[in-house]
N, C-alpha and C. Protein backbone atom coordinates (compact mmCIF):
# COMPACT_ATOMS: atom_id res chain seq x y z
N MET A 1 0.85 -1.18 0.00
CA MET A 1 0.00 0.00 0.00
C MET A 1 0.89 1.24 0.00
N SER A 2 0.56 2.20 -0.83
CA SER A 2 1.37 3.41 -0.93
C SER A 2 0.62 4.59 -0.31
N PHE A 3 1.35 5.33 0.51
CA PHE A 3 0.76 6.47 1.18
C PHE A 3 1.41 7.75 0.69
N GLU A 4 0.76 8.86 1.00
CA GLU A 4 1.27 10.18 0.64
C GLU A 4 2.13 10.72 1.78
N TYR A 5 3.27 11.33 1.40
CA TYR A 5 4.15 11.99 2.36
C TYR A 5 4.58 13.32 1.74
N PRO A 6 3.94 14.42 2.14
CA PRO A 6 4.27 15.71 1.54
C PRO A 6 5.77 16.02 1.63
N GLN A 7 6.33 16.50 0.53
CA GLN A 7 7.77 16.75 0.42
C GLN A 7 8.25 17.89 1.32
N ASP A 8 7.36 18.84 1.64
CA ASP A 8 7.79 20.00 2.44
C ASP A 8 7.67 19.75 3.94
N PHE A 9 7.34 18.54 4.34
CA PHE A 9 7.27 18.16 5.76
C PHE A 9 8.55 17.44 6.15
N ARG A 10 8.78 17.34 7.46
CA ARG A 10 9.82 16.47 8.02
C ARG A 10 9.12 15.45 8.91
N TYR A 11 9.77 14.30 9.11
CA TYR A 11 9.12 13.17 9.77
C TYR A 11 10.01 12.58 10.85
N LEU A 12 9.36 12.05 11.90
CA LEU A 12 10.07 11.34 12.96
C LEU A 12 9.89 9.84 12.78
N ASP A 13 10.83 9.07 13.33
CA ASP A 13 10.72 7.61 13.33
C ASP A 13 9.42 7.16 13.97
N SER A 14 8.93 7.94 14.92
CA SER A 14 7.72 7.60 15.67
C SER A 14 6.43 8.04 14.94
N HIS A 15 6.56 8.49 13.68
CA HIS A 15 5.44 8.75 12.76
C HIS A 15 4.74 10.09 12.92
N GLU A 16 5.34 11.02 13.66
CA GLU A 16 4.83 12.39 13.67
C GLU A 16 5.42 13.14 12.47
N TYR A 17 4.68 14.12 11.99
CA TYR A 17 5.23 15.02 10.97
C TYR A 17 5.27 16.43 11.52
N VAL A 18 6.10 17.25 10.87
CA VAL A 18 6.16 18.67 11.20
C VAL A 18 6.29 19.45 9.90
N ARG A 19 5.53 20.53 9.81
CA ARG A 19 5.66 21.48 8.70
C ARG A 19 6.02 22.82 9.32
N ILE A 20 7.13 23.37 8.88
CA ILE A 20 7.60 24.66 9.40
C ILE A 20 7.20 25.77 8.43
N ASP A 21 6.58 26.80 8.98
CA ASP A 21 6.24 27.99 8.21
C ASP A 21 6.70 29.19 9.04
N GLY A 22 7.92 29.66 8.74
CA GLY A 22 8.51 30.73 9.54
C GLY A 22 8.87 30.19 10.91
N GLU A 23 8.25 30.75 11.94
CA GLU A 23 8.52 30.26 13.30
C GLU A 23 7.37 29.41 13.85
N ILE A 24 6.44 29.03 12.96
CA ILE A 24 5.30 28.21 13.38
C ILE A 24 5.43 26.80 12.80
N ALA A 25 5.32 25.82 13.69
CA ALA A 25 5.35 24.42 13.29
C ALA A 25 3.96 23.83 13.43
N THR A 26 3.52 23.10 12.41
CA THR A 26 2.28 22.35 12.48
C THR A 26 2.67 20.89 12.66
N ILE A 27 2.08 20.23 13.66
CA ILE A 27 2.44 18.86 14.02
C ILE A 27 1.22 17.97 13.91
N GLY A 28 1.44 16.76 13.40
CA GLY A 28 0.39 15.74 13.34
C GLY A 28 1.03 14.38 13.19
N ILE A 29 0.22 13.39 12.77
CA ILE A 29 0.77 12.07 12.50
C ILE A 29 0.56 11.73 11.03
N THR A 30 1.39 10.83 10.53
CA THR A 30 1.39 10.50 9.11
C THR A 30 0.22 9.61 8.72
N GLU A 31 -0.02 9.59 7.43
CA GLU A 31 -1.05 8.73 6.86
C GLU A 31 -0.74 7.26 7.18
N PHE A 32 0.53 6.89 7.15
CA PHE A 32 0.95 5.53 7.50
C PHE A 32 0.54 5.21 8.93
N ALA A 33 0.80 6.13 9.86
CA ALA A 33 0.46 5.91 11.27
C ALA A 33 -1.04 5.75 11.45
N VAL A 34 -1.81 6.58 10.77
CA VAL A 34 -3.27 6.50 10.86
C VAL A 34 -3.74 5.12 10.40
N HIS A 35 -3.16 4.65 9.30
CA HIS A 35 -3.52 3.33 8.77
C HIS A 35 -3.17 2.23 9.76
N GLU A 36 -1.98 2.30 10.35
CA GLU A 36 -1.53 1.28 11.30
C GLU A 36 -2.37 1.28 12.58
N LEU A 37 -2.78 2.45 13.03
CA LEU A 37 -3.57 2.54 14.26
C LEU A 37 -4.97 1.97 14.08
N GLY A 38 -5.56 2.18 12.92
CA GLY A 38 -6.94 1.75 12.72
C GLY A 38 -7.90 2.80 13.25
N ASP A 39 -9.01 2.36 13.81
CA ASP A 39 -10.05 3.28 14.28
C ASP A 39 -9.58 4.05 15.51
N ILE A 40 -9.43 5.35 15.35
CA ILE A 40 -8.95 6.21 16.43
C ILE A 40 -10.13 6.64 17.30
N VAL A 41 -9.95 6.46 18.63
CA VAL A 41 -11.07 6.72 19.54
C VAL A 41 -10.80 7.81 20.58
N PHE A 42 -9.53 8.19 20.77
CA PHE A 42 -9.22 9.18 21.80
C PHE A 42 -7.91 9.89 21.45
N LEU A 43 -7.87 11.18 21.75
CA LEU A 43 -6.67 11.98 21.51
C LEU A 43 -6.46 12.91 22.71
N GLU A 44 -5.27 12.86 23.28
CA GLU A 44 -4.91 13.74 24.39
C GLU A 44 -3.80 14.67 23.92
N LEU A 45 -4.05 15.97 23.97
CA LEU A 45 -3.09 16.98 23.51
C LEU A 45 -2.83 17.98 24.62
N PRO A 46 -1.66 18.65 24.57
CA PRO A 46 -1.37 19.68 25.57
C PRO A 46 -2.25 20.91 25.40
N GLU A 47 -2.25 21.74 26.41
CA GLU A 47 -3.03 22.98 26.40
C GLU A 47 -2.25 24.10 25.69
N ILE A 48 -2.97 25.11 25.23
CA ILE A 48 -2.33 26.30 24.67
C ILE A 48 -1.47 26.93 25.76
N GLY A 49 -0.26 27.30 25.40
CA GLY A 49 0.68 27.87 26.36
C GLY A 49 1.65 26.86 26.93
N ASP A 50 1.37 25.56 26.77
CA ASP A 50 2.29 24.53 27.26
C ASP A 50 3.58 24.53 26.44
N ALA A 51 4.66 24.20 27.11
CA ALA A 51 5.96 24.10 26.44
C ALA A 51 6.19 22.67 25.97
N LEU A 52 6.71 22.55 24.75
CA LEU A 52 7.11 21.25 24.21
C LEU A 52 8.62 21.21 24.10
N THR A 53 9.18 20.01 24.28
CA THR A 53 10.61 19.81 24.12
C THR A 53 10.82 18.75 23.06
N ARG A 54 11.67 19.07 22.12
CA ARG A 54 11.95 18.15 21.01
C ARG A 54 12.33 16.77 21.55
N GLY A 55 11.69 15.75 20.98
CA GLY A 55 11.99 14.38 21.35
C GLY A 55 11.22 13.86 22.54
N GLU A 56 10.48 14.74 23.22
CA GLU A 56 9.74 14.32 24.41
C GLU A 56 8.25 14.17 24.11
N ASN A 57 7.59 13.37 24.92
CA ASN A 57 6.17 13.08 24.78
C ASN A 57 5.33 14.33 25.01
N PHE A 58 4.29 14.52 24.18
CA PHE A 58 3.38 15.64 24.41
C PHE A 58 1.92 15.22 24.50
N GLY A 59 1.64 13.95 24.34
CA GLY A 59 0.26 13.49 24.41
C GLY A 59 0.16 12.04 23.98
N THR A 60 -1.10 11.59 23.82
CA THR A 60 -1.33 10.22 23.38
C THR A 60 -2.45 10.17 22.36
N ILE A 61 -2.40 9.11 21.55
CA ILE A 61 -3.47 8.82 20.61
C ILE A 61 -3.86 7.36 20.84
N GLU A 62 -5.15 7.13 20.93
CA GLU A 62 -5.64 5.79 21.26
C GLU A 62 -6.56 5.31 20.14
N SER A 63 -6.33 4.06 19.75
CA SER A 63 -7.20 3.43 18.76
C SER A 63 -7.76 2.16 19.38
N VAL A 64 -8.58 1.45 18.62
CA VAL A 64 -9.11 0.19 19.13
C VAL A 64 -7.99 -0.84 19.27
N LYS A 65 -6.85 -0.60 18.60
CA LYS A 65 -5.72 -1.53 18.64
C LYS A 65 -4.68 -1.20 19.71
N ALA A 66 -4.41 0.08 19.95
CA ALA A 66 -3.27 0.46 20.78
C ALA A 66 -3.40 1.88 21.30
N VAL A 67 -2.56 2.18 22.30
CA VAL A 67 -2.37 3.55 22.78
C VAL A 67 -0.92 3.91 22.47
N GLU A 68 -0.71 5.01 21.75
CA GLU A 68 0.63 5.42 21.35
C GLU A 68 0.94 6.80 21.91
N GLU A 69 2.18 6.98 22.37
CA GLU A 69 2.63 8.30 22.79
C GLU A 69 2.96 9.13 21.57
N LEU A 70 2.75 10.43 21.69
CA LEU A 70 3.09 11.38 20.63
C LEU A 70 4.36 12.11 21.06
N ASN A 71 5.32 12.24 20.14
CA ASN A 71 6.60 12.87 20.43
C ASN A 71 6.76 14.16 19.64
N SER A 72 7.33 15.15 20.26
CA SER A 72 7.47 16.45 19.63
C SER A 72 8.70 16.51 18.73
N PRO A 73 8.52 16.97 17.50
CA PRO A 73 9.67 17.16 16.60
C PRO A 73 10.37 18.51 16.82
N VAL A 74 9.80 19.36 17.68
CA VAL A 74 10.36 20.70 17.91
C VAL A 74 10.27 21.08 19.39
N THR A 75 11.05 22.10 19.73
CA THR A 75 10.96 22.74 21.05
C THR A 75 10.26 24.07 20.85
N GLY A 76 9.26 24.35 21.67
CA GLY A 76 8.55 25.61 21.55
C GLY A 76 7.31 25.63 22.42
N THR A 77 6.41 26.56 22.11
CA THR A 77 5.21 26.78 22.90
C THR A 77 3.97 26.54 22.04
N VAL A 78 3.02 25.78 22.58
CA VAL A 78 1.77 25.50 21.88
C VAL A 78 0.97 26.80 21.76
N ILE A 79 0.62 27.17 20.52
CA ILE A 79 -0.18 28.38 20.32
C ILE A 79 -1.60 28.05 19.84
N GLU A 80 -1.78 26.81 19.39
CA GLU A 80 -3.11 26.39 18.93
C GLU A 80 -3.16 24.87 18.97
N ARG A 81 -4.33 24.34 19.28
CA ARG A 81 -4.53 22.90 19.17
C ARG A 81 -5.84 22.65 18.45
N ASN A 82 -5.93 21.54 17.79
CA ASN A 82 -7.09 21.24 16.97
C ASN A 82 -8.22 20.70 17.85
N GLU A 83 -9.03 21.61 18.35
CA GLU A 83 -10.13 21.26 19.26
C GLU A 83 -11.14 20.32 18.61
N ALA A 84 -11.32 20.44 17.30
CA ALA A 84 -12.26 19.57 16.60
C ALA A 84 -11.85 18.11 16.74
N LEU A 85 -10.54 17.85 16.75
CA LEU A 85 -10.06 16.47 16.89
C LEU A 85 -10.21 15.95 18.32
N ILE A 86 -10.16 16.84 19.30
CA ILE A 86 -10.38 16.41 20.69
C ILE A 86 -11.79 15.83 20.81
N ASN A 87 -12.74 16.49 20.17
CA ASN A 87 -14.14 16.06 20.22
C ASN A 87 -14.45 14.90 19.28
N SER A 88 -13.74 14.83 18.15
CA SER A 88 -13.97 13.78 17.15
C SER A 88 -12.63 13.25 16.65
N PRO A 89 -11.89 12.50 17.47
CA PRO A 89 -10.55 12.06 17.10
C PRO A 89 -10.50 11.19 15.85
N GLU A 90 -11.60 10.54 15.54
CA GLU A 90 -11.64 9.69 14.34
C GLU A 90 -11.45 10.50 13.06
N ASP A 91 -11.69 11.81 13.12
CA ASP A 91 -11.57 12.66 11.93
C ASP A 91 -10.14 12.80 11.43
N VAL A 92 -9.14 12.47 12.26
CA VAL A 92 -7.75 12.54 11.79
C VAL A 92 -7.56 11.61 10.60
N SER A 93 -8.32 10.55 10.52
CA SER A 93 -8.21 9.58 9.43
C SER A 93 -8.58 10.17 8.08
N GLU A 94 -9.45 11.17 8.09
CA GLU A 94 -9.95 11.75 6.85
C GLU A 94 -8.89 12.57 6.10
N ASP A 95 -8.07 13.31 6.84
CA ASP A 95 -7.13 14.25 6.21
C ASP A 95 -5.98 14.55 7.17
N PRO A 96 -5.08 13.57 7.41
CA PRO A 96 -4.05 13.77 8.44
C PRO A 96 -3.11 14.95 8.17
N TYR A 97 -2.92 15.31 6.90
CA TYR A 97 -1.98 16.40 6.57
C TYR A 97 -2.68 17.75 6.42
N GLY A 98 -4.00 17.75 6.44
CA GLY A 98 -4.76 18.99 6.29
C GLY A 98 -5.51 19.28 7.58
N GLU A 99 -6.81 18.96 7.57
CA GLU A 99 -7.67 19.22 8.72
C GLU A 99 -7.33 18.35 9.94
N GLY A 100 -6.50 17.31 9.75
CA GLY A 100 -6.18 16.40 10.84
C GLY A 100 -4.93 16.75 11.63
N TRP A 101 -4.43 17.99 11.51
CA TRP A 101 -3.27 18.41 12.30
C TRP A 101 -3.63 18.43 13.78
N PHE A 102 -2.58 18.28 14.64
CA PHE A 102 -2.81 18.26 16.09
C PHE A 102 -2.53 19.60 16.75
N LEU A 103 -1.33 20.14 16.50
CA LEU A 103 -0.87 21.34 17.21
C LEU A 103 -0.20 22.31 16.27
N LYS A 104 -0.24 23.59 16.68
CA LYS A 104 0.60 24.62 16.07
C LYS A 104 1.47 25.14 17.21
N VAL A 105 2.77 25.21 16.94
CA VAL A 105 3.75 25.53 17.96
C VAL A 105 4.65 26.66 17.47
N ARG A 106 4.87 27.67 18.33
CA ARG A 106 5.87 28.70 18.04
C ARG A 106 7.21 28.10 18.45
N VAL A 107 8.04 27.85 17.44
CA VAL A 107 9.29 27.12 17.70
C VAL A 107 10.40 28.05 18.17
N ASN A 108 11.27 27.51 19.01
CA ASN A 108 12.44 28.25 19.48
C ASN A 108 13.49 28.34 18.38
N ASP A 109 13.66 27.25 17.61
CA ASP A 109 14.67 27.19 16.55
C ASP A 109 14.14 26.37 15.38
N PRO A 110 13.66 27.03 14.30
CA PRO A 110 13.10 26.30 13.16
C PRO A 110 14.10 25.33 12.51
N ASP A 111 15.39 25.57 12.68
CA ASP A 111 16.38 24.71 12.06
C ASP A 111 16.55 23.37 12.77
N GLU A 112 15.98 23.21 13.96
CA GLU A 112 16.18 21.96 14.68
C GLU A 112 15.50 20.78 13.99
N VAL A 113 14.63 21.02 13.02
CA VAL A 113 14.00 19.91 12.30
C VAL A 113 14.85 19.40 11.15
N GLU A 114 15.98 20.05 10.88
CA GLU A 114 16.80 19.67 9.74
C GLU A 114 17.31 18.24 9.80
N ASP A 115 17.45 17.68 11.00
CA ASP A 115 17.93 16.30 11.08
C ASP A 115 16.79 15.28 11.14
N ALA A 116 15.54 15.74 11.06
CA ALA A 116 14.41 14.82 10.95
C ALA A 116 14.40 14.24 9.53
N LEU A 117 13.65 13.18 9.35
CA LEU A 117 13.62 12.50 8.06
C LEU A 117 12.92 13.33 6.98
N THR A 118 13.44 13.26 5.77
CA THR A 118 12.74 13.84 4.62
C THR A 118 11.61 12.90 4.24
N ALA A 119 10.74 13.34 3.34
CA ALA A 119 9.63 12.50 2.89
C ALA A 119 10.16 11.20 2.27
N ASP A 120 11.20 11.28 1.46
CA ASP A 120 11.74 10.08 0.81
C ASP A 120 12.39 9.14 1.83
N GLU A 121 13.08 9.70 2.81
CA GLU A 121 13.69 8.87 3.86
C GLU A 121 12.63 8.18 4.69
N TYR A 122 11.58 8.91 5.03
CA TYR A 122 10.50 8.32 5.83
C TYR A 122 9.80 7.22 5.03
N ARG A 123 9.50 7.48 3.76
CA ARG A 123 8.84 6.48 2.91
C ARG A 123 9.69 5.21 2.85
N ALA A 124 10.98 5.36 2.65
CA ALA A 124 11.86 4.19 2.58
C ALA A 124 11.83 3.41 3.89
N GLN A 125 11.77 4.13 4.99
CA GLN A 125 11.77 3.47 6.31
C GLN A 125 10.49 2.67 6.54
N VAL A 126 9.34 3.28 6.26
CA VAL A 126 8.09 2.62 6.61
C VAL A 126 7.59 1.66 5.54
N GLU A 127 7.97 1.90 4.29
CA GLU A 127 7.49 1.05 3.22
C GLU A 127 8.57 0.08 2.74
N GLY A 128 9.77 0.17 3.33
CA GLY A 128 10.83 -0.76 3.00
C GLY A 128 11.39 -0.63 1.59
N GLU A 129 11.40 0.60 1.09
CA GLU A 129 11.92 0.80 -0.27
C GLU A 129 13.41 1.09 -0.24
């Protein structure tokens, strides 16, 4: 099965993505992760104003199959969270790279994502290419 991985995003081994736009990072999980999780039933995200640290846990996502920790690809402060997903977590399956984003974060250093995986590196890792 082939999934979409936008080229302008960076990816973590743990299946989170990050899109940097200036000093704002948008964070979510990949289409591959959504597929692997199956039916998503619960999402726990930090509050606006909370600090995130790159590489550390910031919440959880629960499906009928598993509960997975979410890891931050950046260090910064949460400025927005997707409240619609808190109420309807299953909606992340519809559009993980668009309406299915989790957080927007004001990053301390936008360059810290440079060592995260590119779309091609992530695809090779998860699809074995």
